[in-house]
């Protein structure tokens, strides 16, 4: 079962720190990260990759971005 990190409305580095905190709790699985700026989207994606996670999907909507990261 996946986890959702809602970091909308927060400025960097907060979304990255929240994502890394969630990554530390999980050896593998799926995390959905909600952000509302391009900068947060790029930084969260980069941080996830640096931890060995894959960015599976980035979906843009009215409220920002929904980033799905996973690790098998």
PDB file of N, CA and C in Angstrom:
ATOM      1  N   UNK A   1       0.845  -1.189   0.000  1.00  0.00           N
ATOM      2  CA  UNK A   1       0.000   0.000   0.000  1.00  0.00           C
ATOM      3  C   UNK A   1       0.881   1.240   0.000  1.00  0.00           C
ATOM      4  N   UNK A   2       0.548   2.201  -0.814  1.00  0.00           N
ATOM      5  CA  UNK A   2       1.363   3.396  -0.939  1.00  0.00           C
ATOM      6  C   UNK A   2       1.036   4.446   0.110  1.00  0.00           C
ATOM      7  N   UNK A   3       1.870   5.440   0.141  1.00  0.00           N
ATOM      8  CA  UNK A   3       1.738   6.539   1.084  1.00  0.00           C
ATOM      9  C   UNK A   3       1.649   7.830   0.284  1.00  0.00           C
ATOM     10  N   UNK A   4       0.959   8.823   0.821  1.00  0.00           N
ATOM     11  CA  UNK A   4       0.884  10.119   0.162  1.00  0.00           C
ATOM     12  C   UNK A   4       1.527  11.178   1.049  1.00  0.00           C
ATOM     13  N   UNK A   5       2.381  11.987   0.438  1.00  0.00           N
ATOM     14  CA  UNK A   5       2.998  13.127   1.110  1.00  0.00           C
ATOM     15  C   UNK A   5       2.399  14.375   0.469  1.00  0.00           C
ATOM     16  N   UNK A   6       1.649  15.140   1.248  1.00  0.00           N
ATOM     17  CA  UNK A   6       1.032  16.360   0.728  1.00  0.00           C
ATOM     18  C   UNK A   6       1.891  17.556   1.125  1.00  0.00           C
ATOM     19  N   UNK A   7       2.698  18.028   0.172  1.00  0.00           N
ATOM     20  CA  UNK A   7       3.599  19.149   0.441  1.00  0.00           C
ATOM     21  C   UNK A   7       3.166  20.402  -0.313  1.00  0.00           C
ATOM     22  N   UNK A   8       1.894  20.445  -0.722  1.00  0.00           N
ATOM     23  CA  UNK A   8       1.392  21.632  -1.417  1.00  0.00           C
ATOM     24  C   UNK A   8       1.379  22.822  -0.470  1.00  0.00           C
ATOM     25  N   UNK A   9       1.763  23.970  -1.009  1.00  0.00           N
ATOM     26  CA  UNK A   9       1.771  25.183  -0.199  1.00  0.00           C
ATOM     27  C   UNK A   9       3.057  25.376   0.590  1.00  0.00           C
ATOM     28  N   UNK A  10       3.948  24.420   0.516  1.00  0.00           N
ATOM     29  CA  UNK A  10       5.214  24.521   1.240  1.00  0.00           C
ATOM     30  C   UNK A  10       6.334  24.846   0.268  1.00  0.00           C
ATOM     31  N   UNK A  11       7.305  25.623   0.722  1.00  0.00           N
ATOM     32  CA  UNK A  11       8.419  25.958  -0.153  1.00  0.00           C
ATOM     33  C   UNK A  11       9.615  25.076   0.179  1.00  0.00           C
ATOM     34  N   UNK A  12      10.503  24.937  -0.795  1.00  0.00           N
ATOM     35  CA  UNK A  12      11.692  24.110  -0.592  1.00  0.00           C
ATOM     36  C   UNK A  12      12.523  24.695   0.532  1.00  0.00           C
ATOM     37  N   UNK A  13      13.161  23.845   1.318  1.00  0.00           N
ATOM     38  CA  UNK A  13      13.351  22.412   1.096  1.00  0.00           C
ATOM     39  C   UNK A  13      12.293  21.520   1.738  1.00  0.00           C
ATOM     40  N   UNK A  14      11.222  22.095   2.258  1.00  0.00           N
ATOM     41  CA  UNK A  14      10.246  21.304   3.006  1.00  0.00           C
ATOM     42  C   UNK A  14       9.693  20.097   2.241  1.00  0.00           C
ATOM     43  N   UNK A  15       9.243  20.228   0.984  1.00  0.00           N
ATOM     44  CA  UNK A  15       8.740  19.043   0.266  1.00  0.00           C
ATOM     45  C   UNK A  15       9.790  17.936   0.129  1.00  0.00           C
ATOM     46  N   UNK A  16      11.036  18.333  -0.111  1.00  0.00           N
ATOM     47  CA  UNK A  16      12.116  17.344  -0.240  1.00  0.00           C
ATOM     48  C   UNK A  16      12.343  16.640   1.096  1.00  0.00           C
ATOM     49  N   UNK A  17      12.380  17.403   2.170  1.00  0.00           N
ATOM     50  CA  UNK A  17      12.612  16.807   3.499  1.00  0.00           C
ATOM     51  C   UNK A  17      11.480  15.847   3.866  1.00  0.00           C
ATOM     52  N   UNK A  18      10.247  16.228   3.558  1.00  0.00           N
ATOM     53  CA  UNK A  18       9.101  15.355   3.853  1.00  0.00           C
ATOM     54  C   UNK A  18       9.178  14.066   3.036  1.00  0.00           C
ATOM     55  N   UNK A  19       9.588  14.195   1.769  1.00  0.00           N
ATOM     56  CA  UNK A  19       9.712  13.021   0.910  1.00  0.00           C
ATOM     57  C   UNK A  19      10.816  12.098   1.416  1.00  0.00           C
ATOM     58  N   UNK A  20      11.971  12.672   1.759  1.00  0.00           N
ATOM     59  CA  UNK A  20      13.088  11.859   2.251  1.00  0.00           C
ATOM     60  C   UNK A  20      12.737  11.173   3.563  1.00  0.00           C
ATOM     61  N   UNK A  21      11.979  11.848   4.404  1.00  0.00           N
ATOM     62  CA  UNK A  21      11.536  11.254   5.668  1.00  0.00           C
ATOM     63  C   UNK A  21      10.674  10.015   5.401  1.00  0.00           C
ATOM     64  N   UNK A  22       9.783  10.123   4.421  1.00  0.00           N
ATOM     65  CA  UNK A  22       8.905   9.007   4.074  1.00  0.00           C
ATOM     66  C   UNK A  22       9.712   7.865   3.450  1.00  0.00           C
ATOM     67  N   UNK A  23      10.688   8.211   2.599  1.00  0.00           N
ATOM     68  CA  UNK A  23      11.554   7.207   1.971  1.00  0.00           C
ATOM     69  C   UNK A  23      12.296   6.404   3.050  1.00  0.00           C
ATOM     70  N   UNK A  24      12.758   7.106   4.088  1.00  0.00           N
ATOM     71  CA  UNK A  24      13.490   6.425   5.177  1.00  0.00           C
ATOM     72  C   UNK A  24      12.626   5.388   5.882  1.00  0.00           C
ATOM     73  N   UNK A  25      11.327   5.635   5.952  1.00  0.00           N
ATOM     74  CA  UNK A  25      10.410   4.724   6.637  1.00  0.00           C
ATOM     75  C   UNK A  25      10.138   3.463   5.826  1.00  0.00           C
ATOM     76  N   UNK A  26      10.354   3.542   4.513  1.00  0.00           N
ATOM     77  CA  UNK A  26       9.983   2.445   3.621  1.00  0.00           C
ATOM     78  C   UNK A  26      11.208   1.917   2.875  1.00  0.00           C
ATOM     79  N   UNK A  27      11.416   0.605   2.915  1.00  0.00           N
ATOM     80  CA  UNK A  27      12.503   0.012   2.131  1.00  0.00           C
ATOM     81  C   UNK A  27      12.139  -0.007   0.657  1.00  0.00           C
ATOM     82  N   UNK A  28      10.856  -0.217   0.412  1.00  0.00           N
ATOM     83  CA  UNK A  28      10.367  -0.273  -0.969  1.00  0.00           C
ATOM     84  C   UNK A  28       8.894   0.049  -0.968  1.00  0.00           C
ATOM     85  N   UNK A  29       8.328   0.162  -2.161  1.00  0.00           N
ATOM     86  CA  UNK A  29       6.910   0.462  -2.268  1.00  0.00           C
ATOM     87  C   UNK A  29       6.682   1.664  -3.147  1.00  0.00           C
ATOM     88  N   UNK A  30       5.584   2.354  -2.887  1.00  0.00           N
ATOM     89  CA  UNK A  30       5.208   3.492  -3.722  1.00  0.00           C
ATOM     90  C   UNK A  30       4.809   4.666  -2.842  1.00  0.00           C
ATOM     91  N   UNK A  31       5.250   5.845  -3.236  1.00  0.00           N
ATOM     92  CA  UNK A  31       4.909   7.079  -2.528  1.00  0.00           C
ATOM     93  C   UNK A  31       4.396   8.075  -3.554  1.00  0.00           C
ATOM     94  N   UNK A  32       3.290   8.720  -3.248  1.00  0.00           N
ATOM     95  CA  UNK A  32       2.771   9.794  -4.082  1.00  0.00           C
ATOM     96  C   UNK A  32       3.070  11.101  -3.353  1.00  0.00           C
ATOM     97  N   UNK A  33       3.737  12.011  -4.049  1.00  0.00           N
ATOM     98  CA  UNK A  33       4.089  13.302  -3.460  1.00  0.00           C
ATOM     99  C   UNK A  33       3.313  14.393  -4.200  1.00  0.00           C
ATOM    100  N   UNK A  34       2.584  15.207  -3.445  1.00  0.00           N
ATOM    101  CA  UNK A  34       1.808  16.303  -4.023  1.00  0.00           C
ATOM    102  C   UNK A  34       2.554  17.612  -3.768  1.00  0.00           C
ATOM    103  N   UNK A  35       2.884  18.319  -4.844  1.00  0.00           N
ATOM    104  CA  UNK A  35       3.569  19.615  -4.730  1.00  0.00           C
ATOM    105  C   UNK A  35       2.873  20.605  -5.665  1.00  0.00           C
ATOM    106  N   UNK A  36       3.159  21.897  -5.468  1.00  0.00           N
ATOM    107  CA  UNK A  36       2.466  22.881  -6.301  1.00  0.00           C
ATOM    108  C   UNK A  36       3.390  23.848  -7.033  1.00  0.00           C
ATOM    109  N   UNK A  37       4.695  23.530  -7.108  1.00  0.00           N
ATOM    110  CA  UNK A  37       5.601  24.373  -7.890  1.00  0.00           C
ATOM    111  C   UNK A  37       6.528  23.508  -8.734  1.00  0.00           C
ATOM    112  N   UNK A  38       6.998  24.099  -9.837  1.00  0.00           N
ATOM    113  CA  UNK A  38       7.962  23.401 -10.693  1.00  0.00           C
ATOM    114  C   UNK A  38       9.231  23.072  -9.924  1.00  0.00           C
ATOM    115  N   UNK A  39       9.684  24.017  -9.109  1.00  0.00           N
ATOM    116  CA  UNK A  39      10.918  23.816  -8.346  1.00  0.00           C
ATOM    117  C   UNK A  39      10.790  22.620  -7.418  1.00  0.00           C
ATOM    118  N   UNK A  40       9.679  22.537  -6.710  1.00  0.00           N
ATOM    119  CA  UNK A  40       9.463  21.403  -5.807  1.00  0.00           C
ATOM    120  C   UNK A  40       9.401  20.101  -6.586  1.00  0.00           C
ATOM    121  N   UNK A  41       8.745  20.127  -7.741  1.00  0.00           N
ATOM    122  CA  UNK A  41       8.646  18.927  -8.577  1.00  0.00           C
ATOM    123  C   UNK A  41      10.041  18.432  -8.957  1.00  0.00           C
ATOM    124  N   UNK A  42      10.884  19.356  -9.425  1.00  0.00           N
ATOM    125  CA  UNK A  42      12.245  18.982  -9.835  1.00  0.00           C
ATOM    126  C   UNK A  42      13.070  18.491  -8.646  1.00  0.00           C
ATOM    127  N   UNK A  43      12.994  19.203  -7.534  1.00  0.00           N
ATOM    128  CA  UNK A  43      13.809  18.850  -6.366  1.00  0.00           C
ATOM    129  C   UNK A  43      13.390  17.525  -5.745  1.00  0.00           C
ATOM    130  N   UNK A  44      12.085  17.277  -5.664  1.00  0.00           N
ATOM    131  CA  UNK A  44      11.594  16.009  -5.111  1.00  0.00           C
ATOM    132  C   UNK A  44      12.007  14.852  -6.025  1.00  0.00           C
ATOM    133  N   UNK A  45      11.873  15.046  -7.329  1.00  0.00           N
ATOM    134  CA  UNK A  45      12.264  13.997  -8.281  1.00  0.00           C
ATOM    135  C   UNK A  45      13.756  13.680  -8.149  1.00  0.00           C
ATOM    136  N   UNK A  46      14.571  14.709  -8.067  1.00  0.00           N
ATOM    137  CA  UNK A  46      16.021  14.534  -7.941  1.00  0.00           C
ATOM    138  C   UNK A  46      16.379  13.824  -6.629  1.00  0.00           C
ATOM    139  N   UNK A  47      15.730  14.230  -5.550  1.00  0.00           N
ATOM    140  CA  UNK A  47      16.011  13.624  -4.243  1.00  0.00           C
ATOM    141  C   UNK A  47      15.623  12.147  -4.239  1.00  0.00           C
ATOM    142  N   UNK A  48      14.486  11.818  -4.833  1.00  0.00           N
ATOM    143  CA  UNK A  48      14.038  10.422  -4.886  1.00  0.00           C
ATOM    144  C   UNK A  48      15.038   9.574  -5.656  1.00  0.00           C
ATOM    145  N   UNK A  49      15.479  10.076  -6.817  1.00  0.00           N
ATOM    146  CA  UNK A  49      16.452   9.338  -7.629  1.00  0.00           C
ATOM    147  C   UNK A  49      17.759   9.141  -6.873  1.00  0.00           C
ATOM    148  N   UNK A  50      18.166  10.140  -6.116  1.00  0.00           N
ATOM    149  CA  UNK A  50      19.423  10.039  -5.366  1.00  0.00           C
ATOM    150  C   UNK A  50      19.358   8.965  -4.284  1.00  0.00           C
ATOM    151  N   UNK A  51      18.148   8.596  -3.883  1.00  0.00           N
ATOM    152  CA  UNK A  51      17.955   7.558  -2.873  1.00  0.00           C
ATOM    153  C   UNK A  51      17.676   6.191  -3.506  1.00  0.00           C
ATOM    154  N   UNK A  52      17.778   6.117  -4.831  1.00  0.00           N
ATOM    155  CA  UNK A  52      17.571   4.847  -5.517  1.00  0.00           C
ATOM    156  C   UNK A  52      16.121   4.555  -5.872  1.00  0.00           C
ATOM    157  N   UNK A  53      15.277   5.556  -5.775  1.00  0.00           N
ATOM    158  CA  UNK A  53      13.857   5.411  -6.132  1.00  0.00           C
ATOM    159  C   UNK A  53      13.659   5.869  -7.566  1.00  0.00           C
ATOM    160  N   UNK A  54      12.630   5.350  -8.213  1.00  0.00           N
ATOM    161  CA  UNK A  54      12.312   5.729  -9.583  1.00  0.00           C
ATOM    162  C   UNK A  54      11.116   6.665  -9.598  1.00  0.00           C
ATOM    163  N   UNK A  55      11.182   7.653 -10.470  1.00  0.00           N
ATOM    164  CA  UNK A  55      10.020   8.521 -10.687  1.00  0.00           C
ATOM    165  C   UNK A  55       9.179   7.837 -11.757  1.00  0.00           C
ATOM    166  N   UNK A  56       8.061   7.268 -11.324  1.00  0.00           N
ATOM    167  CA  UNK A  56       7.210   6.489 -12.225  1.00  0.00           C
ATOM    168  C   UNK A  56       6.304   7.368 -13.073  1.00  0.00           C
ATOM    169  N   UNK A  57       5.793   8.439 -12.466  1.00  0.00           N
ATOM    170  CA  UNK A  57       4.772   9.225 -13.160  1.00  0.00           C
ATOM    171  C   UNK A  57       4.698  10.618 -12.548  1.00  0.00           C
ATOM    172  N   UNK A  58       4.591  11.617 -13.396  1.00  0.00           N
ATOM    173  CA  UNK A  58       4.343  12.989 -12.928  1.00  0.00           C
ATOM    174  C   UNK A  58       3.091  13.473 -13.648  1.00  0.00           C
ATOM    175  N   UNK A  59       2.072  13.770 -12.866  1.00  0.00           N
ATOM    176  CA  UNK A  59       0.793  14.210 -13.439  1.00  0.00           C
ATOM    177  C   UNK A  59       0.530  15.641 -12.996  1.00  0.00           C
ATOM    178  N   UNK A  60       0.236  16.492 -13.955  1.00  0.00           N
ATOM    179  CA  UNK A  60      -0.059  17.887 -13.643  1.00  0.00           C
ATOM    180  C   UNK A  60      -1.567  18.070 -13.554  1.00  0.00           C
ATOM    181  N   UNK A  61      -2.004  18.800 -12.537  1.00  0.00           N
ATOM    182  CA  UNK A  61      -3.427  19.129 -12.441  1.00  0.00           C
ATOM    183  C   UNK A  61      -3.579  20.578 -11.981  1.00  0.00           C
ATOM    184  N   UNK A  62      -4.783  20.989 -11.700  1.00  0.00           N
ATOM    185  CA  UNK A  62      -5.048  22.386 -11.322  1.00  0.00           C
ATOM    186  C   UNK A  62      -4.300  22.799 -10.061  1.00  0.00           C
ATOM    187  N   UNK A  63      -4.056  21.855  -9.186  1.00  0.00           N
ATOM    188  CA  UNK A  63      -3.450  22.191  -7.898  1.00  0.00           C
ATOM    189  C   UNK A  63      -1.951  21.963  -7.857  1.00  0.00           C
ATOM    190  N   UNK A  64      -1.359  21.559  -8.979  1.00  0.00           N
ATOM    191  CA  UNK A  64       0.081  21.351  -8.989  1.00  0.00           C
ATOM    192  C   UNK A  64       0.460  20.038  -9.647  1.00  0.00           C
ATOM    193  N   UNK A  65       1.304  19.299  -8.969  1.00  0.00           N
ATOM    194  CA  UNK A  65       1.828  18.056  -9.531  1.00  0.00           C
ATOM    195  C   UNK A  65       1.640  16.898  -8.567  1.00  0.00           C
ATOM    196  N   UNK A  66       1.404  15.741  -9.157  1.00  0.00           N
ATOM    197  CA  UNK A  66       1.290  14.495  -8.397  1.00  0.00           C
ATOM    198  C   UNK A  66       2.435  13.617  -8.894  1.00  0.00           C
ATOM    199  N   UNK A  67       3.443  13.432  -8.053  1.00  0.00           N
ATOM    200  CA  UNK A  67       4.641  12.682  -8.422  1.00  0.00           C
ATOM    201  C   UNK A  67       4.554  11.309  -7.779  1.00  0.00           C
ATOM    202  N   UNK A  68       4.602  10.275  -8.599  1.00  0.00           N
ATOM    203  CA  UNK A  68       4.584   8.910  -8.076  1.00  0.00           C
ATOM    204  C   UNK A  68       5.987   8.334  -8.171  1.00  0.00           C
ATOM    205  N   UNK A  69       6.547   7.996  -7.009  1.00  0.00           N
ATOM    206  CA  UNK A  69       7.878   7.383  -6.975  1.00  0.00           C
ATOM    207  C   UNK A  69       7.755   5.981  -6.415  1.00  0.00           C
ATOM    208  N   UNK A  70       8.656   5.103  -6.838  1.00  0.00           N
ATOM    209  CA  UNK A  70       8.573   3.735  -6.331  1.00  0.00           C
ATOM    210  C   UNK A  70       9.940   3.089  -6.301  1.00  0.00           C
ATOM    211  N   UNK A  71      10.012   2.031  -5.516  1.00  0.00           N
ATOM    212  CA  UNK A  71      11.219   1.216  -5.423  1.00  0.00           C
ATOM    213  C   UNK A  71      10.783  -0.216  -5.182  1.00  0.00           C
ATOM    214  N   UNK A  72      11.317  -1.121  -5.985  1.00  0.00           N
ATOM    215  CA  UNK A  72      10.968  -2.553  -5.854  1.00  0.00           C
ATOM    216  C   UNK A  72      11.831  -3.242  -4.829  1.00  0.00           C
TER     217      UNK A  72
END
